[in-house]
Amino acid sequence: METVKTTLAENLGGPAHNLASGDQAFSIDNDVPDLSGKVALVTGGSEGIGFGCTHTLIKHNVSKLFILSQREEVVEDAFKAIDEEFGQNTSQKIIWLKCDLSDWDQTAQTATKILDQTDKMDIIINNAARGIMTQQFAPSNGIDLHMAANHMGHVVLTSHLLPLVKKTANAGNTVRIVNLASNAHQNAPKDTEFASVDELQKDYGPVAQYGRTKLATLLYSRYLGRHLTAAHPKILVNATHPGVVDTAQTNVHIHEAYPLLGYGMSAGLKPFRKDQFEGCASTMYAATVCDDSGLYITPPRIVEQGSPQANDMELAERLMKLTRELVNDKTGAGQKGCPLKDY
């Protein structure tokens, strides 16, 4: 019975979300601490789960918040909602930067803009992602768009911010980095090796393509937990699962890959999905309270092991070796004398 309750709490909304109890429960209203003086970053922070994070950070008094996304009109709606709820000009705490994470040069430039506007970074939430959609390729580098944006873009962003993150931690602050994975990582192809570019370019179908990126996200978190936290104990890195959440991905984008079958997700599951605030619970726990590193946390704050692939550190090392080599090759970073350093 406990296993059933846990599974429901992890994945579904409404009454199911509240089935977790004791040290597995977490309230974004009551358990997130005061964040006065903190600086945070949320990719995709203007809608869906990302806006749930943005709203929660603002509600708990974060001092400065960077949001990265691609659509300015959505950001304007988010700012309006923030000001209406928390008071006029509250949105002035938020700095929006347009960024296509699949374009690694643009992502590096965006990181530089962030570095120019803050002298600390306490929270990084790598949330933005391409969902269950057909294979496309990033225009800037020709790499599978799912991997280019969901995994590698966040590696580029986080890596460029690491000097500031380390400075913040060295000043005595706990820095928390959260990467949004998913239980969909279990759908990654069983033959995933992260051994070559040719493998990354293979089309496994929408579900497996998306699942592979979430496996990569989880492995990247474990990798940083092993290497970065070991050298800098006050930098904590964790991966989270949001559950099945009511977002544009589950309502709209699913139909790009499955025009008819997608209605099972967009319509059939709609009454049972988490809203954006339930969906951000595990991430907000990891971003503000959790004192461990290298974990996989599901809603509300349940620690899971993940699949065998997600615990394969040799696979993680190969993933990050391939990531470094590919980003350096496509951006010319090595030739410029500034190769990507992921920790």
C-alpha atoms as a PDB file:
ATOM      1  CA  MET A   1       0.000   0.000   0.000  1.00  0.00           C
ATOM      2  CA  GLU A   2       2.821   2.412   0.844  1.00  0.00           C
ATOM      3  CA  THR A   3       4.377   1.798  -2.566  1.00  0.00           C
ATOM      4  CA  VAL A   4       1.081   2.651  -4.280  1.00  0.00           C
ATOM      5  CA  LYS A   5       0.682   5.812  -2.211  1.00  0.00           C
ATOM      6  CA  THR A   6       4.232   6.868  -3.014  1.00  0.00           C
ATOM      7  CA  THR A   7       3.772   6.284  -6.747  1.00  0.00           C
ATOM      8  CA  LEU A   8       0.566   8.312  -6.772  1.00  0.00           C
ATOM      9  CA  ALA A   9       2.123  11.170  -4.785  1.00  0.00           C
ATOM     10  CA  GLU A  10       5.147  11.266  -7.069  1.00  0.00           C
ATOM     11  CA  ASN A  11       3.199  11.452 -10.304  1.00  0.00           C
ATOM     12  CA  LEU A  12      -0.368  12.701  -9.874  1.00  0.00           C
ATOM     13  CA  GLY A  13      -1.966  15.865  -8.553  1.00  0.00           C
ATOM     14  CA  GLY A  14      -4.801  16.883  -6.243  1.00  0.00           C
ATOM     15  CA  PRO A  15      -5.462  14.469  -3.373  1.00  0.00           C
ATOM     16  CA  ALA A  16      -2.790  12.089  -4.703  1.00  0.00           C
ATOM     17  CA  HIS A  17      -0.074  14.742  -4.319  1.00  0.00           C
ATOM     18  CA  ASN A  18      -0.867  14.991  -0.610  1.00  0.00           C
ATOM     19  CA  LEU A  19      -0.603  11.258   0.095  1.00  0.00           C
ATOM     20  CA  ALA A  20       3.039  11.704   1.060  1.00  0.00           C
ATOM     21  CA  SER A  21       3.520  12.175   4.786  1.00  0.00           C
ATOM     22  CA  GLY A  22       6.250  12.611   7.366  1.00  0.00           C
ATOM     23  CA  ASP A  23       9.684  13.299   5.910  1.00  0.00           C
ATOM     24  CA  GLN A  24       8.346  12.714   2.390  1.00  0.00           C
ATOM     25  CA  ALA A  25       5.939  15.685   2.553  1.00  0.00           C
ATOM     26  CA  PHE A  26       6.877  19.211   1.480  1.00  0.00           C
ATOM     27  CA  SER A  27       4.821  22.391   1.169  1.00  0.00           C
ATOM     28  CA  ILE A  28       6.060  25.179  -1.094  1.00  0.00           C
ATOM     29  CA  ASP A  29       3.975  27.585   0.981  1.00  0.00           C
ATOM     30  CA  ASN A  30       5.136  26.559   4.452  1.00  0.00           C
ATOM     31  CA  ASP A  31       8.460  24.759   4.067  1.00  0.00           C
ATOM     32  CA  VAL A  32      10.400  27.005   1.690  1.00  0.00           C
ATOM     33  CA  PRO A  33      12.562  29.301   3.845  1.00  0.00           C
ATOM     34  CA  ASP A  34      12.900  33.058   3.505  1.00  0.00           C
ATOM     35  CA  LEU A  35      15.142  33.766   0.515  1.00  0.00           C
ATOM     36  CA  SER A  36      16.010  37.393   1.232  1.00  0.00           C
ATOM     37  CA  GLY A  37      19.446  38.205  -0.165  1.00  0.00           C
ATOM     38  CA  LYS A  38      19.449  35.188  -2.495  1.00  0.00           C
ATOM     39  CA  VAL A  39      20.036  35.345  -6.257  1.00  0.00           C
ATOM     40  CA  ALA A  40      18.464  32.655  -8.425  1.00  0.00           C
ATOM     41  CA  LEU A  41      18.234  31.539 -12.034  1.00  0.00           C
ATOM     42  CA  VAL A  42      15.425  29.537 -13.655  1.00  0.00           C
ATOM     43  CA  THR A  43      15.558  28.424 -17.272  1.00  0.00           C
ATOM     44  CA  GLY A  44      12.091  28.315 -18.786  1.00  0.00           C
ATOM     45  CA  GLY A  45      10.883  30.259 -15.762  1.00  0.00           C
ATOM     46  CA  SER A  46       8.012  32.080 -17.436  1.00  0.00           C
ATOM     47  CA  GLU A  47       5.560  29.197 -17.858  1.00  0.00           C
ATOM     48  CA  GLY A  48       4.644  25.753 -16.611  1.00  0.00           C
ATOM     49  CA  ILE A  49       6.799  24.184 -13.907  1.00  0.00           C
ATOM     50  CA  GLY A  50       9.337  26.967 -14.390  1.00  0.00           C
ATOM     51  CA  PHE A  51       6.738  29.595 -13.512  1.00  0.00           C
ATOM     52  CA  GLY A  52       5.806  27.536 -10.465  1.00  0.00           C
ATOM     53  CA  CYS A  53       9.446  27.913  -9.390  1.00  0.00           C
ATOM     54  CA  THR A  54       9.511  31.626 -10.273  1.00  0.00           C
ATOM     55  CA  HIS A  55       6.308  32.297  -8.332  1.00  0.00           C
ATOM     56  CA  THR A  56       7.578  30.400  -5.287  1.00  0.00           C
ATOM     57  CA  LEU A  57      10.968  32.142  -5.291  1.00  0.00           C
ATOM     58  CA  ILE A  58       9.309  35.571  -5.507  1.00  0.00           C
ATOM     59  CA  LYS A  59       6.777  34.661  -2.806  1.00  0.00           C
ATOM     60  CA  HIS A  60       9.622  33.801  -0.447  1.00  0.00           C
ATOM     61  CA  ASN A  61      11.481  37.063  -1.055  1.00  0.00           C
ATOM     62  CA  VAL A  62      14.291  36.128  -3.433  1.00  0.00           C
ATOM     63  CA  SER A  63      16.264  39.327  -4.065  1.00  0.00           C
ATOM     64  CA  LYS A  64      17.088  38.854  -7.741  1.00  0.00           C
ATOM     65  CA  LEU A  65      15.853  36.302 -10.256  1.00  0.00           C
ATOM     66  CA  PHE A  66      17.133  35.626 -13.753  1.00  0.00           C
ATOM     67  CA  ILE A  67      14.743  33.938 -16.180  1.00  0.00           C
ATOM     68  CA  LEU A  68      15.921  32.454 -19.467  1.00  0.00           C
ATOM     69  CA  SER A  69      13.399  31.650 -22.185  1.00  0.00           C
ATOM     70  CA  GLN A  70      12.680  32.266 -25.846  1.00  0.00           C
ATOM     71  CA  ARG A  71       9.208  33.879 -25.980  1.00  0.00           C
ATOM     72  CA  GLU A  72       8.933  37.465 -24.743  1.00  0.00           C
ATOM     73  CA  GLU A  73       5.125  37.497 -24.872  1.00  0.00           C
ATOM     74  CA  VAL A  74       4.944  34.687 -22.319  1.00  0.00           C
ATOM     75  CA  VAL A  75       7.375  36.555 -20.080  1.00  0.00           C
ATOM     76  CA  GLU A  76       5.193  39.660 -20.210  1.00  0.00           C
ATOM     77  CA  ASP A  77       2.222  37.595 -19.019  1.00  0.00           C
ATOM     78  CA  ALA A  78       4.333  36.153 -16.203  1.00  0.00           C
ATOM     79  CA  PHE A  79       5.478  39.613 -15.087  1.00  0.00           C
ATOM     80  CA  LYS A  80       1.900  40.855 -15.104  1.00  0.00           C
ATOM     81  CA  ALA A  81       0.763  37.909 -12.975  1.00  0.00           C
ATOM     82  CA  ILE A  82       3.589  38.501 -10.492  1.00  0.00           C
ATOM     83  CA  ASP A  83       2.778  42.210 -10.120  1.00  0.00           C
ATOM     84  CA  GLU A  84      -0.945  41.557  -9.743  1.00  0.00           C
ATOM     85  CA  GLU A  85      -0.380  39.067  -6.940  1.00  0.00           C
ATOM     86  CA  PHE A  86       2.596  40.487  -5.069  1.00  0.00           C
ATOM     87  CA  GLY A  87       2.340  44.200  -5.739  1.00  0.00           C
ATOM     88  CA  GLN A  88       3.231  46.651  -8.458  1.00  0.00           C
ATOM     89  CA  ASN A  89       6.887  46.573  -9.544  1.00  0.00           C
ATOM     90  CA  THR A  90       7.607  43.233  -7.838  1.00  0.00           C
ATOM     91  CA  SER A  91       8.592  41.955 -11.268  1.00  0.00           C
ATOM     92  CA  GLN A  92      11.497  44.412 -11.242  1.00  0.00           C
ATOM     93  CA  LYS A  93      13.327  41.765  -9.227  1.00  0.00           C
ATOM     94  CA  ILE A  94      13.259  39.618 -12.367  1.00  0.00           C
ATOM     95  CA  ILE A  95      15.714  39.933 -15.239  1.00  0.00           C
ATOM     96  CA  TRP A  96      14.610  38.176 -18.415  1.00  0.00           C
ATOM     97  CA  LEU A  97      17.186  37.105 -20.969  1.00  0.00           C
ATOM     98  CA  LYS A  98      16.245  35.568 -24.294  1.00  0.00           C
ATOM     99  CA  CYS A  99      18.191  32.373 -24.830  1.00  0.00           C
ATOM    100  CA  ASP A 100      17.991  29.359 -27.095  1.00  0.00           C
ATOM    101  CA  LEU A 101      19.788  26.674 -25.089  1.00  0.00           C
ATOM    102  CA  SER A 102      20.383  24.583 -28.199  1.00  0.00           C
ATOM    103  CA  ASP A 103      22.642  27.399 -29.476  1.00  0.00           C
ATOM    104  CA  TRP A 104      25.712  26.959 -27.304  1.00  0.00           C
ATOM    105  CA  ASP A 105      27.450  30.168 -28.375  1.00  0.00           C
ATOM    106  CA  GLN A 106      24.323  32.153 -27.536  1.00  0.00           C
ATOM    107  CA  THR A 107      24.040  30.304 -24.235  1.00  0.00           C
ATOM    108  CA  ALA A 108      27.628  31.187 -23.330  1.00  0.00           C
ATOM    109  CA  GLN A 109      26.971  34.823 -24.211  1.00  0.00           C
ATOM    110  CA  THR A 110      23.857  34.786 -22.040  1.00  0.00           C
ATOM    111  CA  ALA A 111      25.881  33.431 -19.126  1.00  0.00           C
ATOM    112  CA  THR A 112      28.291  36.346 -19.592  1.00  0.00           C
ATOM    113  CA  LYS A 113      25.359  38.776 -19.386  1.00  0.00           C
ATOM    114  CA  ILE A 114      24.324  37.176 -16.107  1.00  0.00           C
ATOM    115  CA  LEU A 115      27.865  37.461 -14.744  1.00  0.00           C
ATOM    116  CA  ASP A 116      27.813  41.163 -15.587  1.00  0.00           C
ATOM    117  CA  GLN A 117      24.670  41.713 -13.489  1.00  0.00           C
ATOM    118  CA  THR A 118      25.314  39.872 -10.235  1.00  0.00           C
ATOM    119  CA  ASP A 119      28.181  39.143  -7.884  1.00  0.00           C
ATOM    120  CA  LYS A 120      26.632  35.936  -6.483  1.00  0.00           C
ATOM    121  CA  MET A 121      24.477  32.988  -7.518  1.00  0.00           C
ATOM    122  CA  ASP A 122      22.717  30.923  -4.848  1.00  0.00           C
ATOM    123  CA  ILE A 123      20.223  28.848  -6.844  1.00  0.00           C
ATOM    124  CA  ILE A 124      20.270  27.478 -10.399  1.00  0.00           C
ATOM    125  CA  ILE A 125      17.200  25.627 -11.646  1.00  0.00           C
ATOM    126  CA  ASN A 126      17.774  24.055 -15.064  1.00  0.00           C
ATOM    127  CA  ASN A 127      14.145  23.491 -16.028  1.00  0.00           C
ATOM    128  CA  ALA A 128      13.627  24.341 -19.711  1.00  0.00           C
ATOM    129  CA  ALA A 129      13.243  21.367 -22.041  1.00  0.00           C
ATOM    130  CA  ARG A 130      11.958  20.152 -25.374  1.00  0.00           C
ATOM    131  CA  GLY A 131       9.268  17.585 -24.619  1.00  0.00           C
ATOM    132  CA  ILE A 132       7.995  14.406 -26.247  1.00  0.00           C
ATOM    133  CA  MET A 133       8.275  15.508 -29.868  1.00  0.00           C
ATOM    134  CA  THR A 134       9.702  14.225 -33.138  1.00  0.00           C
ATOM    135  CA  GLN A 135      13.392  14.482 -33.876  1.00  0.00           C
ATOM    136  CA  GLN A 136      14.730  17.764 -35.164  1.00  0.00           C
ATOM    137  CA  PHE A 137      18.233  19.177 -35.271  1.00  0.00           C
ATOM    138  CA  ALA A 138      19.574  22.365 -33.708  1.00  0.00           C
ATOM    139  CA  PRO A 139      20.101  24.972 -36.476  1.00  0.00           C
ATOM    140  CA  SER A 140      23.296  26.279 -34.895  1.00  0.00           C
ATOM    141  CA  ASN A 141      25.212  23.018 -34.616  1.00  0.00           C
ATOM    142  CA  GLY A 142      23.218  20.227 -36.308  1.00  0.00           C
ATOM    143  CA  ILE A 143      22.937  18.098 -33.172  1.00  0.00           C
ATOM    144  CA  ASP A 144      19.745  16.303 -32.155  1.00  0.00           C
ATOM    145  CA  LEU A 145      17.608  19.119 -30.752  1.00  0.00           C
ATOM    146  CA  HIS A 146      16.511  17.217 -27.664  1.00  0.00           C
ATOM    147  CA  MET A 147      20.105  16.571 -26.565  1.00  0.00           C
ATOM    148  CA  ALA A 148      21.393  19.966 -27.735  1.00  0.00           C
ATOM    149  CA  ALA A 149      18.878  21.892 -25.618  1.00  0.00           C
ATOM    150  CA  ASN A 150      17.795  19.671 -22.744  1.00  0.00           C
ATOM    151  CA  HIS A 151      21.218  18.410 -21.731  1.00  0.00           C
ATOM    152  CA  MET A 152      24.102  20.145 -23.457  1.00  0.00           C
ATOM    153  CA  GLY A 153      22.653  23.649 -23.324  1.00  0.00           C
ATOM    154  CA  HIS A 154      22.295  23.406 -19.568  1.00  0.00           C
ATOM    155  CA  VAL A 155      25.826  22.032 -19.247  1.00  0.00           C
ATOM    156  CA  VAL A 156      27.162  25.026 -21.189  1.00  0.00           C
ATOM    157  CA  LEU A 157      25.133  27.482 -19.100  1.00  0.00           C
ATOM    158  CA  THR A 158      26.037  25.948 -15.747  1.00  0.00           C
ATOM    159  CA  SER A 159      29.701  25.521 -16.653  1.00  0.00           C
ATOM    160  CA  HIS A 160      30.059  29.190 -17.591  1.00  0.00           C
ATOM    161  CA  LEU A 161      28.466  30.200 -14.288  1.00  0.00           C
ATOM    162  CA  LEU A 162      30.650  27.920 -12.154  1.00  0.00           C
ATOM    163  CA  PRO A 163      33.267  30.572 -11.288  1.00  0.00           C
ATOM    164  CA  LEU A 164      30.490  32.696  -9.769  1.00  0.00           C
ATOM    165  CA  VAL A 165      28.918  29.654  -8.104  1.00  0.00           C
ATOM    166  CA  LYS A 166      32.257  28.725  -6.537  1.00  0.00           C
ATOM    167  CA  LYS A 167      32.814  32.325  -5.412  1.00  0.00           C
ATOM    168  CA  THR A 168      29.401  32.313  -3.738  1.00  0.00           C
ATOM    169  CA  ALA A 169      30.111  29.007  -2.013  1.00  0.00           C
ATOM    170  CA  ASN A 170      33.611  30.077  -0.937  1.00  0.00           C
ATOM    171  CA  ALA A 171      32.011  33.060   0.801  1.00  0.00           C
ATOM    172  CA  GLY A 172      30.217  30.591   3.066  1.00  0.00           C
ATOM    173  CA  ASN A 173      26.894  30.262   1.241  1.00  0.00           C
ATOM    174  CA  THR A 174      25.231  26.991   0.294  1.00  0.00           C
ATOM    175  CA  VAL A 175      24.620  26.947  -3.462  1.00  0.00           C
ATOM    176  CA  ARG A 176      22.033  24.581  -4.880  1.00  0.00           C
ATOM    177  CA  ILE A 177      21.887  23.473  -8.511  1.00  0.00           C
ATOM    178  CA  VAL A 178      18.786  21.550  -9.593  1.00  0.00           C
ATOM    179  CA  ASN A 179      18.397  19.780 -12.916  1.00  0.00           C
ATOM    180  CA  LEU A 180      14.898  18.689 -13.900  1.00  0.00           C
ATOM    181  CA  ALA A 181      14.987  15.073 -14.947  1.00  0.00           C
ATOM    182  CA  SER A 182      11.920  12.806 -15.103  1.00  0.00           C
ATOM    183  CA  ASN A 183      10.798   9.267 -14.481  1.00  0.00           C
ATOM    184  CA  ALA A 184      10.695   9.232 -18.281  1.00  0.00           C
ATOM    185  CA  HIS A 185      14.444   8.563 -18.076  1.00  0.00           C
ATOM    186  CA  GLN A 186      13.359   4.923 -17.777  1.00  0.00           C
ATOM    187  CA  ASN A 187      12.288   5.162 -21.441  1.00  0.00           C
ATOM    188  CA  ALA A 188      15.821   5.852 -22.656  1.00  0.00           C
ATOM    189  CA  PRO A 189      17.007   3.277 -25.202  1.00  0.00           C
ATOM    190  CA  LYS A 190      18.498   0.252 -23.450  1.00  0.00           C
ATOM    191  CA  ASP A 191      21.527   0.392 -25.733  1.00  0.00           C
ATOM    192  CA  THR A 192      22.392   3.965 -24.727  1.00  0.00           C
ATOM    193  CA  GLU A 193      26.163   4.251 -24.418  1.00  0.00           C
ATOM    194  CA  PHE A 194      26.820   7.958 -25.079  1.00  0.00           C
ATOM    195  CA  ALA A 195      29.794   6.702 -27.051  1.00  0.00           C
ATOM    196  CA  SER A 196      29.627   8.759 -30.244  1.00  0.00           C
ATOM    197  CA  VAL A 197      28.005  11.625 -32.112  1.00  0.00           C
ATOM    198  CA  ASP A 198      26.451   9.097 -34.492  1.00  0.00           C
ATOM    199  CA  GLU A 199      24.618   7.572 -31.554  1.00  0.00           C
ATOM    200  CA  LEU A 200      23.301  10.989 -30.457  1.00  0.00           C
ATOM    201  CA  GLN A 201      21.954  11.602 -33.961  1.00  0.00           C
ATOM    202  CA  LYS A 202      19.985   8.377 -34.131  1.00  0.00           C
ATOM    203  CA  ASP A 203      16.196   8.745 -34.108  1.00  0.00           C
ATOM    204  CA  TYR A 204      14.727   6.451 -31.465  1.00  0.00           C
ATOM    205  CA  GLY A 205      11.228   7.956 -31.618  1.00  0.00           C
ATOM    206  CA  PRO A 206       9.655  10.764 -29.535  1.00  0.00           C
ATOM    207  CA  VAL A 207       9.323   8.935 -26.202  1.00  0.00           C
ATOM    208  CA  ALA A 208      12.793   7.385 -26.205  1.00  0.00           C
ATOM    209  CA  GLN A 209      14.361  10.571 -27.590  1.00  0.00           C
ATOM    210  CA  TYR A 210      12.951  12.586 -24.699  1.00  0.00           C
ATOM    211  CA  GLY A 211      13.728   9.850 -22.172  1.00  0.00           C
ATOM    212  CA  ARG A 212      17.365   9.777 -23.237  1.00  0.00           C
ATOM    213  CA  THR A 213      17.753  13.472 -22.441  1.00  0.00           C
ATOM    214  CA  LYS A 214      16.235  12.973 -19.005  1.00  0.00           C
ATOM    215  CA  LEU A 215      18.646  10.109 -18.393  1.00  0.00           C
ATOM    216  CA  ALA A 216      21.447  12.486 -19.415  1.00  0.00           C
ATOM    217  CA  THR A 217      20.136  15.122 -17.009  1.00  0.00           C
ATOM    218  CA  LEU A 218      20.101  12.656 -14.139  1.00  0.00           C
ATOM    219  CA  LEU A 219      23.579  11.378 -14.953  1.00  0.00           C
ATOM    220  CA  TYR A 220      24.903  14.947 -15.208  1.00  0.00           C
ATOM    221  CA  SER A 221      23.540  15.644 -11.726  1.00  0.00           C
ATOM    222  CA  ARG A 222      25.176  12.512 -10.313  1.00  0.00           C
ATOM    223  CA  TYR A 223      28.412  13.469 -12.090  1.00  0.00           C
ATOM    224  CA  LEU A 224      28.474  16.940 -10.551  1.00  0.00           C
ATOM    225  CA  GLY A 225      27.487  15.485  -7.203  1.00  0.00           C
ATOM    226  CA  ARG A 226      30.524  13.223  -7.393  1.00  0.00           C
ATOM    227  CA  HIS A 227      33.065  15.729  -8.747  1.00  0.00           C
ATOM    228  CA  LEU A 228      31.911  19.275  -7.988  1.00  0.00           C
ATOM    229  CA  THR A 229      30.513  18.693  -4.495  1.00  0.00           C
ATOM    230  CA  ALA A 230      33.582  16.648  -3.570  1.00  0.00           C
ATOM    231  CA  ALA A 231      35.789  19.672  -4.240  1.00  0.00           C
ATOM    232  CA  HIS A 232      33.278  22.276  -3.036  1.00  0.00           C
ATOM    233  CA  PRO A 233      31.068  20.756  -0.298  1.00  0.00           C
ATOM    234  CA  LYS A 234      28.785  23.809  -0.159  1.00  0.00           C
ATOM    235  CA  ILE A 235      27.723  23.336  -3.796  1.00  0.00           C
ATOM    236  CA  LEU A 236      24.890  20.803  -3.899  1.00  0.00           C
ATOM    237  CA  VAL A 237      23.601  19.301  -7.140  1.00  0.00           C
ATOM    238  CA  ASN A 238      20.446  17.217  -7.417  1.00  0.00           C
ATOM    239  CA  ALA A 239      18.021  16.004 -10.070  1.00  0.00           C
ATOM    240  CA  THR A 240      14.242  16.096  -9.689  1.00  0.00           C
ATOM    241  CA  HIS A 241      11.125  14.540 -11.179  1.00  0.00           C
ATOM    242  CA  PRO A 242       8.101  16.897 -11.336  1.00  0.00           C
ATOM    243  CA  GLY A 243       5.395  14.287 -11.910  1.00  0.00           C
ATOM    244  CA  VAL A 244       2.800  14.414 -14.684  1.00  0.00           C
ATOM    245  CA  VAL A 245       2.119  18.146 -14.812  1.00  0.00           C
ATOM    246  CA  ASP A 246      -0.494  20.273 -16.578  1.00  0.00           C
ATOM    247  CA  THR A 247       1.763  22.261 -18.945  1.00  0.00           C
ATOM    248  CA  ALA A 248       2.026  23.230 -22.596  1.00  0.00           C
ATOM    249  CA  GLN A 249       4.049  20.066 -23.130  1.00  0.00           C
ATOM    250  CA  THR A 250       1.245  17.796 -21.935  1.00  0.00           C
ATOM    251  CA  ASN A 251      -1.529  19.880 -23.516  1.00  0.00           C
ATOM    252  CA  VAL A 252      -0.075  21.045 -26.821  1.00  0.00           C
ATOM    253  CA  HIS A 253       3.402  19.788 -27.726  1.00  0.00           C
ATOM    254  CA  ILE A 254       2.468  16.122 -27.323  1.00  0.00           C
ATOM    255  CA  HIS A 255       0.259  16.470 -30.411  1.00  0.00           C
ATOM    256  CA  GLU A 256       3.256  17.315 -32.599  1.00  0.00           C
ATOM    257  CA  ALA A 257       4.411  13.721 -32.205  1.00  0.00           C
ATOM    258  CA  TYR A 258       1.043  12.081 -31.600  1.00  0.00           C
ATOM    259  CA  PRO A 259      -1.776  14.087 -33.249  1.00  0.00           C
ATOM    260  CA  LEU A 260      -4.462  11.632 -32.106  1.00  0.00           C
ATOM    261  CA  LEU A 261      -2.887   9.396 -29.474  1.00  0.00           C
ATOM    262  CA  GLY A 262      -1.702  12.511 -27.667  1.00  0.00           C
ATOM    263  CA  TYR A 263      -5.238  13.108 -26.485  1.00  0.00           C
ATOM    264  CA  GLY A 264      -4.710  10.340 -23.975  1.00  0.00           C
ATOM    265  CA  MET A 265      -2.224  12.700 -22.305  1.00  0.00           C
ATOM    266  CA  SER A 266      -3.778  16.091 -23.027  1.00  0.00           C
ATOM    267  CA  ALA A 267      -7.399  15.155 -22.330  1.00  0.00           C
ATOM    268  CA  GLY A 268      -7.558  11.737 -20.687  1.00  0.00           C
ATOM    269  CA  LEU A 269      -5.028  12.461 -17.934  1.00  0.00           C
ATOM    270  CA  LYS A 270      -5.904  16.134 -17.447  1.00  0.00           C
ATOM    271  CA  PRO A 271      -8.049  15.636 -14.306  1.00  0.00           C
ATOM    272  CA  PHE A 272      -5.216  13.725 -12.644  1.00  0.00           C
ATOM    273  CA  ARG A 273      -2.219  15.889 -13.522  1.00  0.00           C
ATOM    274  CA  LYS A 274      -0.358  18.046 -11.046  1.00  0.00           C
ATOM    275  CA  ASP A 275      -0.695  21.799 -11.433  1.00  0.00           C
ATOM    276  CA  GLN A 276       2.473  23.861 -11.878  1.00  0.00           C
ATOM    277  CA  PHE A 277       2.806  24.463  -8.141  1.00  0.00           C
ATOM    278  CA  GLU A 278       2.485  20.799  -7.204  1.00  0.00           C
ATOM    279  CA  GLY A 279       4.864  20.040 -10.067  1.00  0.00           C
ATOM    280  CA  CYS A 280       7.554  22.343  -8.723  1.00  0.00           C
ATOM    281  CA  ALA A 281       7.495  20.955  -5.153  1.00  0.00           C
ATOM    282  CA  SER A 282      10.398  18.511  -5.491  1.00  0.00           C
ATOM    283  CA  THR A 283      12.459  21.121  -7.316  1.00  0.00           C
ATOM    284  CA  MET A 284      11.811  23.796  -4.700  1.00  0.00           C
ATOM    285  CA  TYR A 285      12.798  21.354  -1.956  1.00  0.00           C
ATOM    286  CA  ALA A 286      16.047  20.620  -3.787  1.00  0.00           C
ATOM    287  CA  ALA A 287      16.633  24.319  -4.523  1.00  0.00           C
ATOM    288  CA  THR A 288      16.057  25.696  -1.022  1.00  0.00           C
ATOM    289  CA  VAL A 289      16.193  23.053   1.718  1.00  0.00           C
ATOM    290  CA  CYS A 290      17.967  19.839   0.713  1.00  0.00           C
ATOM    291  CA  ASP A 291      21.397  19.425   2.306  1.00  0.00           C
ATOM    292  CA  ASP A 292      22.547  16.414   0.270  1.00  0.00           C
ATOM    293  CA  SER A 293      23.999  16.141  -3.229  1.00  0.00           C
ATOM    294  CA  GLY A 294      23.715  13.657  -6.079  1.00  0.00           C
ATOM    295  CA  LEU A 295      20.134  12.651  -5.263  1.00  0.00           C
ATOM    296  CA  TYR A 296      17.107  12.002  -7.458  1.00  0.00           C
ATOM    297  CA  ILE A 297      14.106  13.630  -5.771  1.00  0.00           C
ATOM    298  CA  THR A 298      10.465  13.119  -6.729  1.00  0.00           C
ATOM    299  CA  PRO A 299       7.356  14.972  -5.453  1.00  0.00           C
ATOM    300  CA  PRO A 300       6.878  16.176  -2.890  1.00  0.00           C
ATOM    301  CA  ARG A 301      10.380  15.280  -1.528  1.00  0.00           C
ATOM    302  CA  ILE A 302      10.714  11.532  -2.007  1.00  0.00           C
ATOM    303  CA  VAL A 303      14.210  10.271  -2.814  1.00  0.00           C
ATOM    304  CA  GLU A 304      14.262   7.533  -5.463  1.00  0.00           C
ATOM    305  CA  GLN A 305      17.116   5.537  -6.979  1.00  0.00           C
ATOM    306  CA  GLY A 306      16.134   5.785 -10.616  1.00  0.00           C
ATOM    307  CA  SER A 307      16.870   3.175 -13.253  1.00  0.00           C
ATOM    308  CA  PRO A 308      20.066   1.085 -13.378  1.00  0.00           C
ATOM    309  CA  GLN A 309      21.267   3.295 -16.248  1.00  0.00           C
ATOM    310  CA  ALA A 310      20.762   6.374 -14.054  1.00  0.00           C
ATOM    311  CA  ASN A 311      23.181   4.916 -11.503  1.00  0.00           C
ATOM    312  CA  ASP A 312      25.866   3.878 -13.987  1.00  0.00           C
ATOM    313  CA  MET A 313      28.740   6.249 -13.294  1.00  0.00           C
ATOM    314  CA  GLU A 314      30.792   4.869 -16.176  1.00  0.00           C
ATOM    315  CA  LEU A 315      27.911   5.903 -18.427  1.00  0.00           C
ATOM    316  CA  ALA A 316      27.930   9.338 -16.764  1.00  0.00           C
ATOM    317  CA  GLU A 317      31.639   9.745 -17.419  1.00  0.00           C
ATOM    318  CA  ARG A 318      31.207   8.816 -21.091  1.00  0.00           C
ATOM    319  CA  LEU A 319      28.279  11.212 -21.417  1.00  0.00           C
ATOM    320  CA  MET A 320      30.279  14.120 -20.058  1.00  0.00           C
ATOM    321  CA  LYS A 321      33.375  13.275 -22.091  1.00  0.00           C
ATOM    322  CA  LEU A 322      31.252  13.285 -25.251  1.00  0.00           C
ATOM    323  CA  THR A 323      29.536  16.502 -24.155  1.00  0.00           C
ATOM    324  CA  ARG A 324      32.845  18.317 -23.626  1.00  0.00           C
ATOM    325  CA  GLU A 325      34.288  17.112 -26.905  1.00  0.00           C
ATOM    326  CA  LEU A 326      31.187  17.974 -28.912  1.00  0.00           C
ATOM    327  CA  VAL A 327      30.684  21.447 -27.423  1.00  0.00           C
ATOM    328  CA  ASN A 328      34.359  22.281 -27.838  1.00  0.00           C
ATOM    329  CA  ASP A 329      34.287  21.105 -31.452  1.00  0.00           C
ATOM    330  CA  LYS A 330      31.079  22.891 -32.445  1.00  0.00           C
ATOM    331  CA  THR A 331      31.877  26.184 -30.711  1.00  0.00           C
ATOM    332  CA  GLY A 332      35.617  26.234 -31.410  1.00  0.00           C
ATOM    333  CA  ALA A 333      36.166  26.715 -27.681  1.00  0.00           C
ATOM    334  CA  GLY A 334      39.352  24.671 -27.657  1.00  0.00           C
ATOM    335  CA  GLN A 335      40.871  26.731 -30.457  1.00  0.00           C
ATOM    336  CA  LYS A 336      39.892  29.914 -28.608  1.00  0.00           C
ATOM    337  CA  GLY A 337      41.791  28.724 -25.552  1.00  0.00           C
ATOM    338  CA  CYS A 338      38.703  28.362 -23.380  1.00  0.00           C
ATOM    339  CA  PRO A 339      37.577  24.721 -23.547  1.00  0.00           C
ATOM    340  CA  LEU A 340      34.443  23.751 -21.678  1.00  0.00           C
ATOM    341  CA  LYS A 341      35.158  22.805 -18.055  1.00  0.00           C
ATOM    342  CA  ASP A 342      32.136  21.108 -16.503  1.00  0.00           C
ATOM    343  CA  TYR A 343      33.362  21.191 -12.910  1.00  0.00           C
END
